[in-house]
Every structure is written in C-alpha cells, then in structure tokens.
Amino acid sequence: MHDDRRLHPRVDTDLDAQVLVGQDNLPVRMVNLSVGGLMIEGSGQLAGLSASPATGTIEIGVRFDLEHQPVNGTCRVVYKRRLSADKAALGLKIIDMDEALRAAIDRYVRKNLTY
C-alpha cells in the first residue's frame, strides 16, 4: 500500500484494463486501485486527452476484470503524466460506478493490503 494521505487504501496491481474515450477503446495497464480511484498506464495517446469545453474536465469510461468479475464505471482524470514519448500515466477518480462493483473493489483492496 502507498503511505500517503489518501482517503481510501490503495494497492498495487498489474491488471489489463480498457479506457473508453469517445468511440475509442484503448488498452491500458492498471497499476494501482482503491475504492476511490486508480492509476493506469498506456500509450502516449493518453497524455493528449483534452478537457471538455463544457465541463473543463476529462471523463472517460473504464473497464477491467477483478477476480473474474467485470467492472466498469466512469472516471475523471485528476492528473496526466507522460512517462516517455510513447507511454503515459493517468490518475483517475471514480465518479460513477454501481455500488456492488465498488464493494467488489473494496473486498479486493482489503484482501491485498500489505502493511
């Protein structure tokens, strides 16, 4: 677990995921997860995402499997970091997700916490 001031405990992961940006479905790796959000890494295309003129935010769909259970929801990009010319990371805050899926994330995180 990362020792920081987050509201929810976060665990490192190495899971395949997909982000939905408009009509594009981009493969990514989820590198950490909490009930409140996640961090993903993927192509440099992620760093080029731009905010909606209407809201001033970037919102994307996210899909992944967690212990054989499909999880999907909507996230807001809270930060972007270019890792190299062809790789970027996004910090995502979960803003819309079914409560049963949030509970599945909570169980997964608690099961995988290391102190």
N, C-alpha and C. Protein backbone atom coordinates (compact mmCIF):
# COMPACT_ATOMS: atom_id res chain seq x y z
N MET A 1 0.84 -1.17 0.00
CA MET A 1 0.00 0.00 0.00
C MET A 1 0.88 1.23 0.00
N HIS A 2 0.45 2.26 -0.65
CA HIS A 2 1.17 3.52 -0.66
C HIS A 2 0.91 4.25 0.64
N ASP A 3 1.96 4.75 1.27
CA ASP A 3 1.81 5.50 2.51
C ASP A 3 1.65 6.97 2.17
N ASP A 4 0.41 7.43 2.06
CA ASP A 4 0.14 8.82 1.74
C ASP A 4 -1.17 9.23 2.39
N ARG A 5 -1.67 10.36 2.02
CA ARG A 5 -2.86 10.91 2.68
C ARG A 5 -4.14 10.65 1.91
N ARG A 6 -4.25 9.55 1.29
CA ARG A 6 -5.45 9.23 0.52
C ARG A 6 -6.60 8.89 1.46
N LEU A 7 -7.80 9.13 0.97
CA LEU A 7 -9.00 8.82 1.74
C LEU A 7 -9.22 7.31 1.83
N HIS A 8 -8.88 6.59 0.76
CA HIS A 8 -9.10 5.14 0.70
C HIS A 8 -7.77 4.42 0.55
N PRO A 9 -7.63 3.23 1.17
CA PRO A 9 -6.40 2.45 0.96
C PRO A 9 -6.27 2.07 -0.51
N ARG A 10 -5.04 1.99 -0.97
CA ARG A 10 -4.73 1.72 -2.38
C ARG A 10 -3.73 0.57 -2.44
N VAL A 11 -3.92 -0.33 -3.39
CA VAL A 11 -3.00 -1.44 -3.56
C VAL A 11 -2.41 -1.41 -4.97
N ASP A 12 -1.17 -1.89 -5.08
CA ASP A 12 -0.54 -2.03 -6.38
C ASP A 12 -1.22 -3.18 -7.13
N THR A 13 -1.35 -3.02 -8.44
CA THR A 13 -1.94 -4.05 -9.28
C THR A 13 -1.11 -4.16 -10.56
N ASP A 14 -1.39 -5.16 -11.33
CA ASP A 14 -0.83 -5.31 -12.67
C ASP A 14 -1.91 -5.99 -13.51
N LEU A 15 -2.96 -5.23 -13.81
CA LEU A 15 -4.14 -5.78 -14.46
C LEU A 15 -4.39 -5.11 -15.81
N ASP A 16 -4.83 -5.90 -16.78
CA ASP A 16 -5.27 -5.35 -18.06
C ASP A 16 -6.57 -4.58 -17.84
N ALA A 17 -6.71 -3.48 -18.53
CA ALA A 17 -7.93 -2.68 -18.48
C ALA A 17 -8.12 -2.00 -19.83
N GLN A 18 -9.27 -1.40 -20.00
CA GLN A 18 -9.56 -0.63 -21.20
C GLN A 18 -10.17 0.69 -20.78
N VAL A 19 -9.80 1.74 -21.48
CA VAL A 19 -10.47 3.03 -21.27
C VAL A 19 -11.24 3.37 -22.54
N LEU A 20 -12.38 3.97 -22.33
CA LEU A 20 -13.25 4.36 -23.43
C LEU A 20 -13.24 5.87 -23.53
N VAL A 21 -12.69 6.35 -24.63
CA VAL A 21 -12.59 7.79 -24.87
C VAL A 21 -13.36 8.07 -26.15
N GLY A 22 -14.54 8.65 -26.03
CA GLY A 22 -15.39 8.83 -27.20
C GLY A 22 -15.72 7.46 -27.78
N GLN A 23 -15.38 7.25 -29.03
CA GLN A 23 -15.61 5.95 -29.67
C GLN A 23 -14.38 5.05 -29.61
N ASP A 24 -13.28 5.56 -29.05
CA ASP A 24 -12.04 4.79 -28.99
C ASP A 24 -11.97 3.94 -27.73
N ASN A 25 -11.49 2.71 -27.91
CA ASN A 25 -11.31 1.77 -26.82
C ASN A 25 -9.81 1.50 -26.73
N LEU A 26 -9.14 2.02 -25.70
CA LEU A 26 -7.69 1.93 -25.61
C LEU A 26 -7.26 0.93 -24.55
N PRO A 27 -6.35 -0.01 -24.90
CA PRO A 27 -5.84 -0.94 -23.89
C PRO A 27 -4.85 -0.23 -22.97
N VAL A 28 -4.94 -0.52 -21.67
CA VAL A 28 -4.05 0.07 -20.67
C VAL A 28 -3.72 -0.98 -19.61
N ARG A 29 -2.77 -0.64 -18.74
CA ARG A 29 -2.46 -1.45 -17.55
C ARG A 29 -2.88 -0.65 -16.33
N MET A 30 -3.60 -1.30 -15.43
CA MET A 30 -3.94 -0.66 -14.16
C MET A 30 -2.81 -0.98 -13.19
N VAL A 31 -2.18 0.06 -12.65
CA VAL A 31 -1.02 -0.16 -11.78
C VAL A 31 -1.34 0.01 -10.30
N ASN A 32 -2.47 0.65 -9.97
CA ASN A 32 -2.95 0.62 -8.59
C ASN A 32 -4.44 0.90 -8.57
N LEU A 33 -5.06 0.56 -7.42
CA LEU A 33 -6.52 0.61 -7.33
C LEU A 33 -6.96 0.89 -5.91
N SER A 34 -8.00 1.69 -5.77
CA SER A 34 -8.68 1.90 -4.49
C SER A 34 -10.16 2.06 -4.79
N VAL A 35 -10.98 2.12 -3.75
CA VAL A 35 -12.40 2.34 -3.93
C VAL A 35 -12.65 3.70 -4.59
N GLY A 36 -11.76 4.64 -4.36
CA GLY A 36 -11.95 5.99 -4.89
C GLY A 36 -11.34 6.25 -6.25
N GLY A 37 -10.41 5.40 -6.69
CA GLY A 37 -9.77 5.67 -7.97
C GLY A 37 -8.73 4.65 -8.34
N LEU A 38 -8.00 4.94 -9.41
CA LEU A 38 -6.99 4.03 -9.93
C LEU A 38 -5.98 4.81 -10.75
N MET A 39 -4.84 4.17 -10.98
CA MET A 39 -3.85 4.73 -11.89
C MET A 39 -3.65 3.75 -13.02
N ILE A 40 -3.62 4.29 -14.24
CA ILE A 40 -3.41 3.46 -15.41
C ILE A 40 -2.19 3.96 -16.18
N GLU A 41 -1.59 3.05 -16.94
CA GLU A 41 -0.51 3.40 -17.85
C GLU A 41 -0.86 2.85 -19.22
N GLY A 42 -0.54 3.63 -20.24
CA GLY A 42 -0.83 3.20 -21.60
C GLY A 42 -0.06 4.02 -22.60
N SER A 43 -0.54 4.02 -23.83
CA SER A 43 0.16 4.71 -24.91
C SER A 43 0.22 6.21 -24.66
N GLY A 44 1.15 6.85 -25.34
CA GLY A 44 1.30 8.29 -25.23
C GLY A 44 0.04 9.05 -25.63
N GLN A 45 -0.86 8.37 -26.32
CA GLN A 45 -2.14 8.97 -26.71
C GLN A 45 -2.91 9.46 -25.47
N LEU A 46 -2.72 8.81 -24.33
CA LEU A 46 -3.41 9.22 -23.10
C LEU A 46 -3.03 10.64 -22.69
N ALA A 47 -1.76 10.99 -22.89
CA ALA A 47 -1.30 12.33 -22.48
C ALA A 47 -1.95 13.42 -23.31
N GLY A 48 -2.44 13.07 -24.49
CA GLY A 48 -3.05 14.06 -25.37
C GLY A 48 -4.53 14.29 -25.13
N LEU A 49 -5.12 13.61 -24.17
CA LEU A 49 -6.55 13.82 -23.89
C LEU A 49 -6.78 15.25 -23.45
N SER A 50 -7.85 15.84 -23.92
CA SER A 50 -8.12 17.24 -23.55
C SER A 50 -9.48 17.35 -22.86
N ALA A 51 -9.58 18.39 -22.06
CA ALA A 51 -10.79 18.62 -21.27
C ALA A 51 -11.96 19.03 -22.14
N SER A 52 -13.14 18.67 -21.71
CA SER A 52 -14.37 19.10 -22.36
C SER A 52 -14.54 20.60 -22.18
N PRO A 53 -14.83 21.33 -23.24
CA PRO A 53 -15.06 22.77 -23.09
C PRO A 53 -16.24 23.07 -22.15
N ALA A 54 -17.22 22.19 -22.12
CA ALA A 54 -18.42 22.42 -21.31
C ALA A 54 -18.14 22.27 -19.81
N THR A 55 -17.31 21.27 -19.45
CA THR A 55 -17.10 20.98 -18.02
C THR A 55 -15.71 21.36 -17.52
N GLY A 56 -14.76 21.48 -18.44
CA GLY A 56 -13.38 21.74 -18.03
C GLY A 56 -12.69 20.52 -17.47
N THR A 57 -13.31 19.35 -17.62
CA THR A 57 -12.74 18.11 -17.09
C THR A 57 -12.62 17.08 -18.21
N ILE A 58 -11.86 16.03 -17.92
CA ILE A 58 -11.75 14.88 -18.82
C ILE A 58 -12.42 13.71 -18.11
N GLU A 59 -13.47 13.17 -18.71
CA GLU A 59 -14.14 12.00 -18.16
C GLU A 59 -14.05 10.87 -19.16
N ILE A 60 -13.72 9.67 -18.66
CA ILE A 60 -13.55 8.51 -19.52
C ILE A 60 -14.21 7.31 -18.87
N GLY A 61 -14.57 6.34 -19.70
CA GLY A 61 -15.06 5.07 -19.19
C GLY A 61 -13.89 4.16 -18.92
N VAL A 62 -14.05 3.27 -17.97
CA VAL A 62 -13.00 2.30 -17.66
C VAL A 62 -13.65 0.93 -17.47
N ARG A 63 -12.96 -0.10 -17.97
CA ARG A 63 -13.41 -1.49 -17.84
C ARG A 63 -12.22 -2.36 -17.46
N PHE A 64 -12.47 -3.29 -16.54
CA PHE A 64 -11.45 -4.28 -16.19
C PHE A 64 -12.13 -5.44 -15.50
N ASP A 65 -11.43 -6.56 -15.39
CA ASP A 65 -11.92 -7.71 -14.64
C ASP A 65 -11.20 -7.77 -13.32
N LEU A 66 -11.96 -8.01 -12.27
CA LEU A 66 -11.40 -8.12 -10.93
C LEU A 66 -11.83 -9.46 -10.37
N GLU A 67 -10.87 -10.39 -10.33
CA GLU A 67 -11.15 -11.75 -9.88
C GLU A 67 -12.35 -12.33 -10.63
N HIS A 68 -12.29 -12.27 -11.94
CA HIS A 68 -13.27 -12.83 -12.87
C HIS A 68 -14.61 -12.11 -12.86
N GLN A 69 -14.67 -10.92 -12.27
CA GLN A 69 -15.90 -10.12 -12.28
C GLN A 69 -15.66 -8.87 -13.13
N PRO A 70 -16.47 -8.67 -14.17
CA PRO A 70 -16.32 -7.45 -14.97
C PRO A 70 -16.68 -6.21 -14.15
N VAL A 71 -15.84 -5.20 -14.24
CA VAL A 71 -16.04 -3.94 -13.54
C VAL A 71 -16.01 -2.83 -14.58
N ASN A 72 -16.97 -1.93 -14.51
CA ASN A 72 -16.94 -0.77 -15.41
C ASN A 72 -17.52 0.43 -14.69
N GLY A 73 -17.06 1.59 -15.11
CA GLY A 73 -17.53 2.82 -14.49
C GLY A 73 -17.02 4.02 -15.25
N THR A 74 -17.33 5.18 -14.72
CA THR A 74 -16.87 6.44 -15.31
C THR A 74 -15.90 7.10 -14.35
N CYS A 75 -14.81 7.61 -14.90
CA CYS A 75 -13.77 8.24 -14.08
C CYS A 75 -13.45 9.63 -14.61
N ARG A 76 -12.97 10.45 -13.71
CA ARG A 76 -12.47 11.79 -14.06
C ARG A 76 -10.95 11.75 -13.96
N VAL A 77 -10.28 12.28 -14.96
CA VAL A 77 -8.82 12.35 -14.93
C VAL A 77 -8.43 13.44 -13.94
N VAL A 78 -7.64 13.06 -12.92
CA VAL A 78 -7.19 14.05 -11.94
C VAL A 78 -5.74 14.46 -12.18
N TYR A 79 -4.99 13.63 -12.91
CA TYR A 79 -3.67 14.06 -13.37
C TYR A 79 -3.22 13.22 -14.55
N LYS A 80 -2.34 13.82 -15.36
CA LYS A 80 -1.72 13.14 -16.50
C LYS A 80 -0.22 13.28 -16.35
N ARG A 81 0.50 12.22 -16.66
CA ARG A 81 1.95 12.26 -16.60
C ARG A 81 2.51 11.51 -17.81
N ARG A 82 3.32 12.18 -18.60
CA ARG A 82 4.00 11.49 -19.70
C ARG A 82 5.20 10.76 -19.13
N LEU A 83 5.27 9.45 -19.37
CA LEU A 83 6.37 8.64 -18.86
C LEU A 83 7.51 8.53 -19.86
N SER A 84 7.17 8.57 -21.15
CA SER A 84 8.15 8.56 -22.24
C SER A 84 7.43 9.04 -23.49
N ALA A 85 8.11 9.02 -24.61
CA ALA A 85 7.50 9.50 -25.85
C ALA A 85 6.25 8.70 -26.21
N ASP A 86 6.24 7.42 -25.85
CA ASP A 86 5.10 6.58 -26.23
C ASP A 86 4.38 5.94 -25.05
N LYS A 87 4.53 6.53 -23.86
CA LYS A 87 3.87 5.97 -22.67
C LYS A 87 3.45 7.09 -21.73
N ALA A 88 2.22 6.96 -21.19
CA ALA A 88 1.70 7.97 -20.27
C ALA A 88 0.94 7.29 -19.14
N ALA A 89 0.78 8.01 -18.04
CA ALA A 89 0.01 7.54 -16.89
C ALA A 89 -1.10 8.53 -16.60
N LEU A 90 -2.24 8.01 -16.17
CA LEU A 90 -3.36 8.84 -15.75
C LEU A 90 -3.78 8.43 -14.35
N GLY A 91 -4.01 9.41 -13.50
CA GLY A 91 -4.64 9.19 -12.21
C GLY A 91 -6.12 9.45 -12.38
N LEU A 92 -6.95 8.49 -12.00
CA LEU A 92 -8.38 8.58 -12.24
C LEU A 92 -9.17 8.52 -10.94
N LYS A 93 -10.17 9.36 -10.82
CA LYS A 93 -11.11 9.33 -9.70
C LYS A 93 -12.40 8.71 -10.20
N ILE A 94 -12.88 7.69 -9.51
CA ILE A 94 -14.14 7.06 -9.90
C ILE A 94 -15.29 8.00 -9.54
N ILE A 95 -16.08 8.37 -10.55
CA ILE A 95 -17.19 9.29 -10.28
C ILE A 95 -18.56 8.64 -10.48
N ASP A 96 -18.61 7.50 -11.17
CA ASP A 96 -19.89 6.81 -11.34
C ASP A 96 -19.62 5.32 -11.49
N MET A 97 -20.14 4.54 -10.53
CA MET A 97 -19.96 3.09 -10.57
C MET A 97 -21.04 2.47 -9.69
N ASP A 98 -21.55 1.34 -10.13
CA ASP A 98 -22.53 0.59 -9.36
C ASP A 98 -21.97 0.26 -7.98
N GLU A 99 -22.79 0.37 -6.96
CA GLU A 99 -22.33 0.13 -5.58
C GLU A 99 -21.82 -1.30 -5.38
N ALA A 100 -22.41 -2.27 -6.07
CA ALA A 100 -21.93 -3.65 -5.95
C ALA A 100 -20.51 -3.78 -6.49
N LEU A 101 -20.19 -3.03 -7.55
CA LEU A 101 -18.84 -3.06 -8.10
C LEU A 101 -17.86 -2.35 -7.17
N ARG A 102 -18.29 -1.25 -6.57
CA ARG A 102 -17.44 -0.58 -5.57
C ARG A 102 -17.15 -1.53 -4.41
N ALA A 103 -18.15 -2.30 -3.99
CA ALA A 103 -17.96 -3.26 -2.90
C ALA A 103 -16.96 -4.34 -3.32
N ALA A 104 -17.01 -4.77 -4.58
CA ALA A 104 -16.04 -5.77 -5.07
C ALA A 104 -14.63 -5.19 -5.04
N ILE A 105 -14.47 -3.93 -5.41
CA ILE A 105 -13.15 -3.28 -5.34
C ILE A 105 -12.69 -3.21 -3.90
N ASP A 106 -13.58 -2.82 -3.00
CA ASP A 106 -13.23 -2.73 -1.58
C ASP A 106 -12.75 -4.08 -1.04
N ARG A 107 -13.45 -5.16 -1.37
CA ARG A 107 -13.03 -6.50 -0.93
C ARG A 107 -11.65 -6.84 -1.49
N TYR A 108 -11.44 -6.56 -2.78
CA TYR A 108 -10.15 -6.85 -3.42
C TYR A 108 -9.02 -6.08 -2.74
N VAL A 109 -9.25 -4.79 -2.50
CA VAL A 109 -8.21 -3.96 -1.86
C VAL A 109 -7.90 -4.48 -0.47
N ARG A 110 -8.93 -4.75 0.32
CA ARG A 110 -8.70 -5.23 1.70
C ARG A 110 -7.96 -6.57 1.71
N LYS A 111 -8.30 -7.43 0.75
CA LYS A 111 -7.65 -8.74 0.66
C LYS A 111 -6.17 -8.61 0.29
N ASN A 112 -5.83 -7.58 -0.47
CA ASN A 112 -4.46 -7.44 -0.99
C ASN A 112 -3.62 -6.38 -0.28
N LEU A 113 -4.13 -5.80 0.79
CA LEU A 113 -3.35 -4.82 1.54
C LEU A 113 -2.12 -5.48 2.15
N THR A 114 -1.01 -4.78 2.09
CA THR A 114 0.20 -5.22 2.78
C THR A 114 0.66 -4.09 3.67
N TYR A 115 1.06 -4.45 4.86
CA TYR A 115 1.49 -3.42 5.82
C TYR A 115 2.96 -3.49 6.07
